[in-house]
Amino acid sequence: MEEERVSLMERPDLADLLMTVMERDILPLTRAGVEAGNKVFGAALIDKTTGRLVIAGTNNETANPLWHGEVHTLKLFYELPEEDRPDTRDLIFLSTHEPCSMCLSAITWTGFDNFFYFFSHEDSRDAFAIPHDLRILKEVFTLGPGEYARENAFWQSRAISRLIAQAPEDERATLQERARAIAAEYDRLSALYQSGKTGNAIPLN
């Protein structure tokens, strides 16, 4: 009898997998993107059952201001041959930063039932000096921080920090140390982006 395959969404090692994808697949792309003048945001699509990376991407706003990390990753996904492109309902959507309103809509329109994020909107504003996500939510949608429905008829979202907090005690310290190392690398990349953003062509830089 074939062994039943358990969705990664329900497995206790999900935080480990998501951070591994950030370290191994997203961060190298983001380093190159920041060197080209782009922001630090990235994303990846992962098979829910096998943990296989389908595609990773990073911000490419210097080419098109709509190419946020999430939207640019979706662009790359839909450029894959159809036979290599899984149903979005079978994928985990990983976003390095809590998605902005445009990216929330893109995730919804493309049929994902989930997304996970490492940094919050408040982190984007306070640690990365990029307040636009929260400003747009407030000015356009009259929503304060955290007031959009994180669980709704389309999807549910979860912070990786919450997964880490829920990890078994004997694994939590190691996950927290990895999270701090990831955050430190993003701090370094953010400083590089901020130092070179003056005069770039990104409307909301």
N, C-alpha and C. Protein backbone atom coordinates (compact mmCIF):
# COMPACT_ATOMS: atom_id res chain seq x y z
N MET A 1 0.85 -1.20 0.00
CA MET A 1 0.00 0.00 0.00
C MET A 1 0.88 1.24 0.00
N GLU A 2 0.56 2.17 -0.87
CA GLU A 2 1.37 3.39 -0.99
C GLU A 2 1.26 4.23 0.27
N GLU A 3 2.39 4.68 0.78
CA GLU A 3 2.40 5.50 1.99
C GLU A 3 1.76 6.86 1.70
N GLU A 4 0.89 7.26 2.61
CA GLU A 4 0.21 8.55 2.43
C GLU A 4 1.22 9.68 2.59
N ARG A 5 1.19 10.60 1.67
CA ARG A 5 2.12 11.72 1.71
C ARG A 5 1.50 12.86 2.52
N VAL A 6 2.25 13.38 3.48
CA VAL A 6 1.76 14.42 4.37
C VAL A 6 2.17 15.78 3.83
N SER A 7 1.22 16.70 3.77
CA SER A 7 1.51 18.05 3.31
C SER A 7 2.51 18.72 4.24
N LEU A 8 3.48 19.41 3.65
CA LEU A 8 4.44 20.16 4.45
C LEU A 8 3.77 21.20 5.32
N MET A 9 2.59 21.63 4.91
CA MET A 9 1.86 22.63 5.69
C MET A 9 1.58 22.12 7.10
N GLU A 10 1.55 20.81 7.27
CA GLU A 10 1.23 20.23 8.57
C GLU A 10 2.45 19.66 9.29
N ARG A 11 3.63 19.78 8.69
CA ARG A 11 4.81 19.15 9.27
C ARG A 11 5.56 20.09 10.20
N PRO A 12 6.15 19.55 11.28
CA PRO A 12 6.84 20.41 12.25
C PRO A 12 8.13 21.01 11.73
N ASP A 13 8.69 20.48 10.62
CA ASP A 13 9.95 21.00 10.10
C ASP A 13 9.74 22.06 9.01
N LEU A 14 8.53 22.62 8.93
CA LEU A 14 8.25 23.61 7.88
C LEU A 14 9.12 24.85 8.02
N ALA A 15 9.31 25.35 9.23
CA ALA A 15 10.15 26.54 9.42
C ALA A 15 11.56 26.29 8.91
N ASP A 16 12.08 25.11 9.18
CA ASP A 16 13.43 24.75 8.70
C ASP A 16 13.48 24.80 7.18
N LEU A 17 12.49 24.21 6.53
CA LEU A 17 12.46 24.20 5.06
C LEU A 17 12.39 25.62 4.51
N LEU A 18 11.49 26.44 5.05
CA LEU A 18 11.31 27.80 4.51
C LEU A 18 12.58 28.63 4.66
N MET A 19 13.24 28.52 5.80
CA MET A 19 14.48 29.28 5.97
C MET A 19 15.60 28.73 5.09
N THR A 20 15.61 27.42 4.87
CA THR A 20 16.60 26.85 3.95
C THR A 20 16.42 27.41 2.54
N VAL A 21 15.18 27.52 2.09
CA VAL A 21 14.92 28.09 0.76
C VAL A 21 15.35 29.56 0.72
N MET A 22 15.11 30.29 1.79
CA MET A 22 15.58 31.68 1.82
C MET A 22 17.09 31.74 1.71
N GLU A 23 17.78 30.92 2.49
CA GLU A 23 19.25 30.94 2.52
C GLU A 23 19.85 30.48 1.20
N ARG A 24 19.32 29.39 0.67
CA ARG A 24 19.94 28.71 -0.47
C ARG A 24 19.50 29.26 -1.82
N ASP A 25 18.22 29.69 -1.91
CA ASP A 25 17.66 30.00 -3.22
C ASP A 25 17.29 31.48 -3.41
N ILE A 26 16.73 32.11 -2.38
CA ILE A 26 16.30 33.50 -2.56
C ILE A 26 17.44 34.48 -2.33
N LEU A 27 18.19 34.30 -1.25
CA LEU A 27 19.22 35.28 -0.92
C LEU A 27 20.27 35.48 -2.02
N PRO A 28 20.76 34.43 -2.69
CA PRO A 28 21.72 34.68 -3.78
C PRO A 28 21.14 35.57 -4.88
N LEU A 29 19.87 35.36 -5.22
CA LEU A 29 19.22 36.21 -6.23
C LEU A 29 19.08 37.64 -5.72
N THR A 30 18.76 37.77 -4.45
CA THR A 30 18.55 39.10 -3.87
C THR A 30 19.86 39.88 -3.79
N ARG A 31 20.94 39.19 -3.47
CA ARG A 31 22.24 39.88 -3.45
C ARG A 31 22.53 40.49 -4.82
N ALA A 32 22.31 39.72 -5.87
CA ALA A 32 22.55 40.24 -7.22
C ALA A 32 21.57 41.35 -7.55
N GLY A 33 20.32 41.20 -7.12
CA GLY A 33 19.31 42.22 -7.39
C GLY A 33 19.62 43.54 -6.71
N VAL A 34 20.06 43.48 -5.47
CA VAL A 34 20.40 44.70 -4.74
C VAL A 34 21.60 45.38 -5.39
N GLU A 35 22.57 44.61 -5.81
CA GLU A 35 23.73 45.19 -6.49
C GLU A 35 23.32 45.92 -7.77
N ALA A 36 22.19 45.50 -8.36
CA ALA A 36 21.68 46.16 -9.57
C ALA A 36 20.73 47.30 -9.24
N GLY A 37 20.52 47.58 -7.94
CA GLY A 37 19.71 48.73 -7.54
C GLY A 37 18.30 48.41 -7.11
N ASN A 38 17.99 47.13 -6.92
CA ASN A 38 16.64 46.73 -6.53
C ASN A 38 16.50 46.55 -5.02
N LYS A 39 15.25 46.53 -4.57
CA LYS A 39 14.96 46.32 -3.16
C LYS A 39 15.25 44.87 -2.76
N VAL A 40 15.09 44.59 -1.46
CA VAL A 40 15.53 43.31 -0.90
C VAL A 40 14.45 42.23 -0.89
N PHE A 41 13.29 42.50 -1.44
CA PHE A 41 12.18 41.56 -1.32
C PHE A 41 12.30 40.41 -2.31
N GLY A 42 11.97 39.19 -1.85
CA GLY A 42 12.02 38.02 -2.72
C GLY A 42 10.93 37.04 -2.37
N ALA A 43 10.84 35.97 -3.16
CA ALA A 43 9.79 34.97 -2.96
C ALA A 43 10.22 33.65 -3.57
N ALA A 44 9.50 32.59 -3.21
CA ALA A 44 9.73 31.27 -3.78
C ALA A 44 8.44 30.47 -3.74
N LEU A 45 8.31 29.53 -4.68
CA LEU A 45 7.17 28.62 -4.74
C LEU A 45 7.70 27.22 -4.51
N ILE A 46 7.06 26.49 -3.60
CA ILE A 46 7.56 25.21 -3.12
C ILE A 46 6.44 24.18 -3.17
N ASP A 47 6.76 22.99 -3.66
CA ASP A 47 5.77 21.92 -3.69
C ASP A 47 5.35 21.54 -2.27
N LYS A 48 4.05 21.53 -2.01
CA LYS A 48 3.53 21.28 -0.67
C LYS A 48 3.88 19.89 -0.14
N THR A 49 4.02 18.93 -1.02
CA THR A 49 4.21 17.55 -0.59
C THR A 49 5.68 17.15 -0.55
N THR A 50 6.43 17.51 -1.57
CA THR A 50 7.82 17.04 -1.67
C THR A 50 8.83 18.03 -1.11
N GLY A 51 8.46 19.30 -0.99
CA GLY A 51 9.41 20.33 -0.58
C GLY A 51 10.31 20.80 -1.71
N ARG A 52 10.04 20.33 -2.92
CA ARG A 52 10.85 20.72 -4.08
C ARG A 52 10.62 22.19 -4.42
N LEU A 53 11.73 22.90 -4.64
CA LEU A 53 11.62 24.28 -5.11
C LEU A 53 11.15 24.28 -6.56
N VAL A 54 10.09 25.02 -6.84
CA VAL A 54 9.62 25.17 -8.22
C VAL A 54 10.30 26.37 -8.86
N ILE A 55 10.31 27.49 -8.16
CA ILE A 55 10.99 28.68 -8.69
C ILE A 55 11.21 29.68 -7.56
N ALA A 56 12.25 30.46 -7.67
CA ALA A 56 12.53 31.55 -6.74
C ALA A 56 12.77 32.82 -7.54
N GLY A 57 12.52 33.94 -6.92
CA GLY A 57 12.72 35.21 -7.60
C GLY A 57 12.99 36.32 -6.60
N THR A 58 13.31 37.48 -7.14
CA THR A 58 13.58 38.64 -6.28
C THR A 58 13.08 39.90 -6.98
N ASN A 59 13.11 40.98 -6.25
CA ASN A 59 12.63 42.26 -6.76
C ASN A 59 13.39 42.68 -8.01
N ASN A 60 12.65 43.20 -9.00
CA ASN A 60 13.27 43.67 -10.24
C ASN A 60 12.63 44.99 -10.68
N GLU A 61 12.46 45.89 -9.71
CA GLU A 61 11.77 47.16 -9.98
C GLU A 61 12.56 48.09 -10.89
N THR A 62 13.85 47.89 -11.03
CA THR A 62 14.59 48.74 -11.95
C THR A 62 14.19 48.48 -13.40
N ALA A 63 13.63 47.29 -13.66
CA ALA A 63 13.12 46.99 -15.00
C ALA A 63 11.66 47.40 -15.14
N ASN A 64 10.89 47.25 -14.07
CA ASN A 64 9.45 47.53 -14.10
C ASN A 64 9.00 47.72 -12.66
N PRO A 65 8.41 48.86 -12.30
CA PRO A 65 8.04 49.08 -10.89
C PRO A 65 7.01 48.11 -10.36
N LEU A 66 6.37 47.33 -11.24
CA LEU A 66 5.43 46.30 -10.79
C LEU A 66 6.13 45.00 -10.40
N TRP A 67 7.42 44.87 -10.73
CA TRP A 67 8.11 43.61 -10.47
C TRP A 67 8.61 43.54 -9.03
N HIS A 68 7.66 43.61 -8.10
CA HIS A 68 8.00 43.33 -6.70
C HIS A 68 8.47 41.87 -6.61
N GLY A 69 9.07 41.50 -5.51
CA GLY A 69 9.61 40.15 -5.40
C GLY A 69 8.58 39.08 -5.68
N GLU A 70 7.37 39.25 -5.14
CA GLU A 70 6.33 38.25 -5.32
C GLU A 70 5.80 38.23 -6.75
N VAL A 71 5.53 39.41 -7.29
CA VAL A 71 4.97 39.49 -8.65
C VAL A 71 5.98 39.04 -9.68
N HIS A 72 7.24 39.41 -9.49
CA HIS A 72 8.26 38.98 -10.43
C HIS A 72 8.45 37.46 -10.39
N THR A 73 8.35 36.88 -9.19
CA THR A 73 8.43 35.42 -9.08
C THR A 73 7.26 34.77 -9.81
N LEU A 74 6.07 35.34 -9.68
CA LEU A 74 4.91 34.81 -10.40
C LEU A 74 5.10 34.94 -11.92
N LYS A 75 5.68 36.05 -12.35
CA LYS A 75 5.97 36.21 -13.78
C LYS A 75 6.87 35.07 -14.27
N LEU A 76 7.93 34.79 -13.52
CA LEU A 76 8.84 33.71 -13.89
C LEU A 76 8.13 32.36 -13.87
N PHE A 77 7.25 32.17 -12.91
CA PHE A 77 6.50 30.91 -12.79
C PHE A 77 5.65 30.68 -14.04
N TYR A 78 4.95 31.71 -14.49
CA TYR A 78 4.06 31.55 -15.65
C TYR A 78 4.82 31.54 -16.97
N GLU A 79 6.12 31.79 -16.93
CA GLU A 79 6.95 31.61 -18.12
C GLU A 79 7.51 30.19 -18.23
N LEU A 80 7.32 29.38 -17.17
CA LEU A 80 7.73 27.97 -17.25
C LEU A 80 6.86 27.24 -18.26
N PRO A 81 7.39 26.20 -18.91
CA PRO A 81 6.54 25.38 -19.77
C PRO A 81 5.36 24.82 -18.97
N GLU A 82 4.22 24.74 -19.59
CA GLU A 82 3.01 24.33 -18.88
C GLU A 82 3.18 22.99 -18.17
N GLU A 83 3.92 22.07 -18.79
CA GLU A 83 4.09 20.76 -18.18
C GLU A 83 4.97 20.81 -16.93
N ASP A 84 5.71 21.89 -16.74
CA ASP A 84 6.56 22.04 -15.56
C ASP A 84 5.95 22.96 -14.52
N ARG A 85 4.72 23.35 -14.73
CA ARG A 85 4.08 24.36 -13.89
C ARG A 85 2.96 23.72 -13.07
N PRO A 86 3.20 23.42 -11.80
CA PRO A 86 2.16 22.78 -10.98
C PRO A 86 0.96 23.71 -10.75
N ASP A 87 -0.13 23.10 -10.33
CA ASP A 87 -1.29 23.87 -9.90
C ASP A 87 -0.90 24.68 -8.67
N THR A 88 -1.27 25.94 -8.64
CA THR A 88 -0.88 26.79 -7.51
C THR A 88 -1.45 26.28 -6.19
N ARG A 89 -2.55 25.55 -6.24
CA ARG A 89 -3.12 25.00 -5.01
C ARG A 89 -2.23 23.92 -4.40
N ASP A 90 -1.26 23.44 -5.17
CA ASP A 90 -0.34 22.41 -4.68
C ASP A 90 0.98 23.01 -4.20
N LEU A 91 1.04 24.33 -4.09
CA LEU A 91 2.29 25.01 -3.77
C LEU A 91 2.19 25.84 -2.51
N ILE A 92 3.32 25.96 -1.84
CA ILE A 92 3.49 26.93 -0.75
C ILE A 92 4.06 28.20 -1.36
N PHE A 93 3.49 29.34 -1.00
CA PHE A 93 4.02 30.64 -1.42
C PHE A 93 4.84 31.21 -0.27
N LEU A 94 6.13 31.35 -0.48
CA LEU A 94 7.03 31.92 0.52
C LEU A 94 7.42 33.32 0.10
N SER A 95 7.20 34.28 0.97
CA SER A 95 7.58 35.67 0.72
C SER A 95 8.54 36.10 1.82
N THR A 96 9.65 36.71 1.44
CA THR A 96 10.60 37.13 2.47
C THR A 96 9.99 38.20 3.36
N HIS A 97 9.14 39.06 2.79
CA HIS A 97 8.50 40.14 3.52
C HIS A 97 6.99 40.03 3.34
N GLU A 98 6.25 40.42 4.35
CA GLU A 98 4.79 40.38 4.27
C GLU A 98 4.35 41.15 3.03
N PRO A 99 3.58 40.54 2.14
CA PRO A 99 3.28 41.15 0.84
C PRO A 99 2.50 42.45 0.93
N CYS A 100 2.80 43.36 0.02
CA CYS A 100 2.05 44.61 -0.08
C CYS A 100 0.68 44.32 -0.68
N SER A 101 -0.16 45.35 -0.79
CA SER A 101 -1.53 45.15 -1.29
C SER A 101 -1.54 44.62 -2.72
N MET A 102 -0.62 45.08 -3.58
CA MET A 102 -0.57 44.57 -4.95
C MET A 102 -0.21 43.09 -4.95
N CYS A 103 0.77 42.72 -4.14
CA CYS A 103 1.21 41.33 -4.12
C CYS A 103 0.17 40.43 -3.46
N LEU A 104 -0.52 40.94 -2.45
CA LEU A 104 -1.64 40.18 -1.87
C LEU A 104 -2.67 39.86 -2.95
N SER A 105 -2.98 40.84 -3.79
CA SER A 105 -3.94 40.62 -4.87
C SER A 105 -3.41 39.62 -5.89
N ALA A 106 -2.12 39.73 -6.22
CA ALA A 106 -1.54 38.80 -7.20
C ALA A 106 -1.58 37.36 -6.68
N ILE A 107 -1.27 37.18 -5.41
CA ILE A 107 -1.34 35.85 -4.81
C ILE A 107 -2.76 35.32 -4.87
N THR A 108 -3.72 36.19 -4.63
CA THR A 108 -5.13 35.79 -4.66
C THR A 108 -5.57 35.42 -6.08
N TRP A 109 -5.29 36.28 -7.04
CA TRP A 109 -5.73 36.06 -8.42
C TRP A 109 -5.08 34.82 -9.04
N THR A 110 -3.92 34.42 -8.57
CA THR A 110 -3.26 33.25 -9.14
C THR A 110 -3.64 31.95 -8.43
N GLY A 111 -4.51 32.02 -7.43
CA GLY A 111 -5.12 30.82 -6.88
C GLY A 111 -4.40 30.15 -5.72
N PHE A 112 -3.43 30.82 -5.11
CA PHE A 112 -2.77 30.24 -3.94
C PHE A 112 -3.72 30.26 -2.75
N ASP A 113 -3.61 29.23 -1.91
CA ASP A 113 -4.45 29.20 -0.71
C ASP A 113 -3.64 29.51 0.55
N ASN A 114 -2.39 29.98 0.36
CA ASN A 114 -1.53 30.24 1.51
C ASN A 114 -0.41 31.18 1.12
N PHE A 115 0.19 31.82 2.12
CA PHE A 115 1.54 32.35 1.98
C PHE A 115 2.16 32.46 3.36
N PHE A 116 3.49 32.36 3.38
CA PHE A 116 4.28 32.47 4.60
C PHE A 116 5.27 33.62 4.40
N TYR A 117 5.53 34.37 5.46
CA TYR A 117 6.47 35.49 5.33
C TYR A 117 7.40 35.53 6.53
N PHE A 118 8.61 36.08 6.29
CA PHE A 118 9.65 36.15 7.32
C PHE A 118 9.60 37.49 8.05
N PHE A 119 9.62 38.59 7.31
CA PHE A 119 9.56 39.93 7.89
C PHE A 119 8.13 40.48 7.77
N SER A 120 7.71 41.26 8.75
CA SER A 120 6.37 41.84 8.75
C SER A 120 6.36 43.19 8.03
N HIS A 121 5.14 43.71 7.80
CA HIS A 121 5.00 45.07 7.26
C HIS A 121 5.73 46.08 8.15
N GLU A 122 5.61 45.91 9.46
CA GLU A 122 6.28 46.83 10.37
C GLU A 122 7.79 46.74 10.24
N ASP A 123 8.30 45.54 10.00
CA ASP A 123 9.75 45.40 9.75
C ASP A 123 10.15 46.16 8.50
N SER A 124 9.33 46.05 7.44
CA SER A 124 9.65 46.76 6.20
C SER A 124 9.74 48.25 6.45
N ARG A 125 8.83 48.76 7.26
CA ARG A 125 8.83 50.20 7.57
C ARG A 125 9.98 50.58 8.50
N ASP A 126 10.16 49.84 9.57
CA ASP A 126 11.07 50.26 10.64
C ASP A 126 12.51 49.80 10.43
N ALA A 127 12.69 48.56 10.01
CA ALA A 127 14.05 48.02 9.86
C ALA A 127 14.62 48.28 8.47
N PHE A 128 13.72 48.40 7.46
CA PHE A 128 14.18 48.52 6.08
C PHE A 128 13.91 49.89 5.47
N ALA A 129 13.30 50.79 6.25
CA ALA A 129 13.01 52.16 5.80
C ALA A 129 12.20 52.18 4.51
N ILE A 130 11.28 51.22 4.38
CA ILE A 130 10.38 51.15 3.23
C ILE A 130 8.94 51.11 3.77
N PRO A 131 8.32 52.29 3.94
CA PRO A 131 7.01 52.36 4.59
C PRO A 131 5.82 52.23 3.66
N HIS A 132 6.07 52.01 2.37
CA HIS A 132 5.00 52.14 1.38
C HIS A 132 3.87 51.12 1.57
N ASP A 133 4.20 49.90 2.00
CA ASP A 133 3.16 48.89 2.19
C ASP A 133 2.09 49.40 3.16
N LEU A 134 2.54 49.88 4.32
CA LEU A 134 1.59 50.34 5.33
C LEU A 134 0.93 51.65 4.92
N ARG A 135 1.66 52.51 4.24
CA ARG A 135 1.05 53.78 3.79
C ARG A 135 -0.07 53.52 2.79
N ILE A 136 0.16 52.61 1.85
CA ILE A 136 -0.87 52.32 0.85
C ILE A 136 -2.08 51.66 1.51
N LEU A 137 -1.84 50.71 2.42
CA LEU A 137 -2.96 50.10 3.12
C LEU A 137 -3.79 51.15 3.85
N LYS A 138 -3.12 52.14 4.43
CA LYS A 138 -3.83 53.19 5.18
C LYS A 138 -4.50 54.19 4.26
N GLU A 139 -3.77 54.71 3.28
CA GLU A 139 -4.29 55.79 2.44
C GLU A 139 -5.32 55.30 1.43
N VAL A 140 -5.13 54.12 0.88
CA VAL A 140 -6.03 53.62 -0.17
C VAL A 140 -7.16 52.77 0.41
N PHE A 141 -6.82 51.92 1.39
CA PHE A 141 -7.80 50.96 1.90
C PHE A 141 -8.27 51.28 3.32
N THR A 142 -7.75 52.35 3.91
CA THR A 142 -8.08 52.77 5.28
C THR A 142 -7.87 51.65 6.30
N LEU A 143 -6.82 50.87 6.10
CA LEU A 143 -6.50 49.78 7.01
C LEU A 143 -5.23 50.10 7.78
N GLY A 144 -5.26 49.88 9.08
CA GLY A 144 -4.07 50.02 9.89
C GLY A 144 -3.22 48.78 9.82
N PRO A 145 -2.03 48.79 10.45
CA PRO A 145 -1.16 47.62 10.43
C PRO A 145 -1.89 46.38 10.95
N GLY A 146 -1.80 45.30 10.19
CA GLY A 146 -2.38 44.04 10.62
C GLY A 146 -3.88 43.93 10.50
N GLU A 147 -4.53 44.90 9.88
CA GLU A 147 -5.99 44.89 9.84
C GLU A 147 -6.58 44.19 8.62
N TYR A 148 -5.76 43.77 7.67
CA TYR A 148 -6.33 42.98 6.58
C TYR A 148 -6.59 41.57 7.12
N ALA A 149 -7.47 40.83 6.46
CA ALA A 149 -7.87 39.51 6.95
C ALA A 149 -6.80 38.48 6.63
N ARG A 150 -6.05 38.07 7.61
CA ARG A 150 -4.96 37.12 7.37
C ARG A 150 -5.47 35.71 7.10
N GLU A 151 -6.72 35.46 7.43
CA GLU A 151 -7.41 34.23 7.03
C GLU A 151 -8.73 34.64 6.41
N ASN A 152 -8.97 34.19 5.19
CA ASN A 152 -10.17 34.61 4.47
C ASN A 152 -10.59 33.48 3.52
N ALA A 153 -11.56 33.75 2.67
CA ALA A 153 -12.09 32.72 1.78
C ALA A 153 -11.08 32.27 0.74
N PHE A 154 -10.01 33.04 0.52
CA PHE A 154 -9.03 32.72 -0.51
C PHE A 154 -7.79 32.03 0.05
N TRP A 155 -7.25 32.55 1.13
CA TRP A 155 -5.99 32.03 1.65
C TRP A 155 -5.84 32.32 3.14
N GLN A 156 -4.84 31.68 3.71
CA GLN A 156 -4.41 32.04 5.06
C GLN A 156 -2.92 32.33 5.04
N SER A 157 -2.51 33.29 5.85
CA SER A 157 -1.10 33.66 5.90
C SER A 157 -0.56 33.36 7.29
N ARG A 158 0.75 33.06 7.32
CA ARG A 158 1.38 32.75 8.60
C ARG A 158 2.80 33.33 8.61
N ALA A 159 3.18 33.88 9.74
CA ALA A 159 4.53 34.40 9.92
C ALA A 159 5.46 33.25 10.28
N ILE A 160 6.64 33.24 9.69
CA ILE A 160 7.62 32.21 10.02
C ILE A 160 8.03 32.32 11.48
N SER A 161 8.02 33.52 12.02
CA SER A 161 8.35 33.69 13.45
C SER A 161 7.38 32.91 14.33
N ARG A 162 6.14 32.82 13.90
CA ARG A 162 5.16 32.04 14.68
C ARG A 162 5.46 30.55 14.58
N LEU A 163 5.86 30.09 13.40
CA LEU A 163 6.25 28.68 13.26
C LEU A 163 7.42 28.35 14.18
N ILE A 164 8.39 29.27 14.24
CA ILE A 164 9.55 29.05 15.10
C ILE A 164 9.13 29.00 16.57
N ALA A 165 8.25 29.90 16.96
CA ALA A 165 7.79 29.94 18.36
C ALA A 165 7.05 28.66 18.74
N GLN A 166 6.43 28.01 17.76
CA GLN A 166 5.67 26.80 18.01
C GLN A 166 6.52 25.53 17.86
N ALA A 167 7.78 25.67 17.48
CA ALA A 167 8.65 24.51 17.28
C ALA A 167 8.94 23.83 18.61
N PRO A 168 9.26 22.53 18.60
CA PRO A 168 9.65 21.85 19.84
C PRO A 168 10.80 22.59 20.53
N GLU A 169 10.78 22.59 21.83
CA GLU A 169 11.74 23.39 22.59
C GLU A 169 13.18 23.05 22.25
N ASP A 170 13.47 21.78 21.99
CA ASP A 170 14.85 21.39 21.73
C ASP A 170 15.34 21.83 20.35
N GLU A 171 14.43 22.30 19.49
CA GLU A 171 14.80 22.77 18.15
C GLU A 171 14.71 24.29 18.03
N ARG A 172 14.01 24.90 18.96
CA ARG A 172 13.68 26.33 18.83
C ARG A 172 14.90 27.22 18.82
N ALA A 173 15.85 26.96 19.69
CA ALA A 173 17.04 27.83 19.78
C ALA A 173 17.83 27.83 18.48
N THR A 174 17.96 26.66 17.86
CA THR A 174 18.68 26.57 16.58
C THR A 174 17.95 27.35 15.50
N LEU A 175 16.63 27.22 15.44
CA LEU A 175 15.84 27.96 14.45
C LEU A 175 15.94 29.46 14.69
N GLN A 176 15.91 29.87 15.96
CA GLN A 176 16.02 31.29 16.28
C GLN A 176 17.38 31.85 15.88
N GLU A 177 18.43 31.07 16.06
CA GLU A 177 19.77 31.50 15.66
C GLU A 177 19.85 31.66 14.15
N ARG A 178 19.28 30.73 13.42
CA ARG A 178 19.26 30.84 11.96
C ARG A 178 18.48 32.07 11.53
N ALA A 179 17.35 32.31 12.18
CA ALA A 179 16.53 33.48 11.84
C ALA A 179 17.31 34.77 12.07
N ARG A 180 18.07 34.82 13.15
CA ARG A 180 18.88 36.02 13.41
C ARG A 180 19.95 36.21 12.34
N ALA A 181 20.55 35.11 11.89
CA ALA A 181 21.57 35.21 10.84
C ALA A 181 20.96 35.68 9.52
N ILE A 182 19.78 35.18 9.20
CA ILE A 182 19.09 35.63 7.99
C ILE A 182 18.76 37.11 8.10
N ALA A 183 18.23 37.53 9.24
CA ALA A 183 17.88 38.93 9.43
C ALA A 183 19.12 39.83 9.31
N ALA A 184 20.25 39.37 9.83
CA ALA A 184 21.48 40.16 9.74
C ALA A 184 21.92 40.34 8.29
N GLU A 185 21.78 39.29 7.48
CA GLU A 185 22.15 39.41 6.07
C GLU A 185 21.21 40.37 5.35
N TYR A 186 19.93 40.34 5.67
CA TYR A 186 19.01 41.28 5.06
C TYR A 186 19.27 42.71 5.53
N ASP A 187 19.71 42.88 6.78
CA ASP A 187 20.10 44.21 7.25
C ASP A 187 21.25 44.75 6.40
N ARG A 188 22.21 43.89 6.12
CA ARG A 188 23.37 44.30 5.31
C ARG A 188 22.93 44.69 3.90
N LEU A 189 22.05 43.88 3.30
CA LEU A 189 21.57 44.17 1.95
C LEU A 189 20.71 45.42 1.92
N SER A 190 19.92 45.62 2.98
CA SER A 190 19.09 46.83 3.06
C SER A 190 19.96 48.08 3.10
N ALA A 191 21.03 48.04 3.89
CA ALA A 191 21.94 49.19 3.96
C ALA A 191 22.56 49.47 2.61
N LEU A 192 22.90 48.41 1.88
CA LEU A 192 23.46 48.58 0.54
C LEU A 192 22.44 49.22 -0.40
N TYR A 193 21.20 48.74 -0.35
CA TYR A 193 20.15 49.33 -1.19
C TYR A 193 19.94 50.80 -0.83
N GLN A 194 19.80 51.10 0.45
CA GLN A 194 19.53 52.48 0.87
C GLN A 194 20.66 53.43 0.46
N SER A 195 21.89 52.94 0.49
CA SER A 195 23.03 53.79 0.16
C SER A 195 23.08 54.15 -1.32
N GLY A 196 22.40 53.35 -2.16
CA GLY A 196 22.48 53.59 -3.59
C GLY A 196 21.18 53.96 -4.26
N LYS A 197 20.11 54.17 -3.48
CA LYS A 197 18.80 54.35 -4.10
C LYS A 197 18.55 55.76 -4.61
N THR A 198 19.33 56.75 -4.17
CA THR A 198 19.10 58.12 -4.58
C THR A 198 19.21 58.26 -6.10
N GLY A 199 18.16 58.79 -6.70
CA GLY A 199 18.19 59.03 -8.14
C GLY A 199 17.81 57.84 -8.99
N ASN A 200 17.47 56.69 -8.35
CA ASN A 200 17.08 55.55 -9.19
C ASN A 200 15.68 55.78 -9.77
N ALA A 201 15.28 54.92 -10.67
CA ALA A 201 14.04 55.13 -11.42
C ALA A 201 12.81 54.49 -10.78
N ILE A 202 12.97 53.94 -9.58
CA ILE A 202 11.85 53.30 -8.89
C ILE A 202 10.96 54.38 -8.29
N PRO A 203 9.67 54.47 -8.66
CA PRO A 203 8.82 55.57 -8.16
C PRO A 203 8.72 55.62 -6.64
N LEU A 204 8.48 54.49 -5.99
CA LEU A 204 8.40 54.45 -4.53
C LEU A 204 9.63 53.69 -4.02
N ASN A 205 10.72 54.44 -3.90
CA ASN A 205 11.95 53.76 -3.52
C ASN A 205 12.22 53.85 -2.03
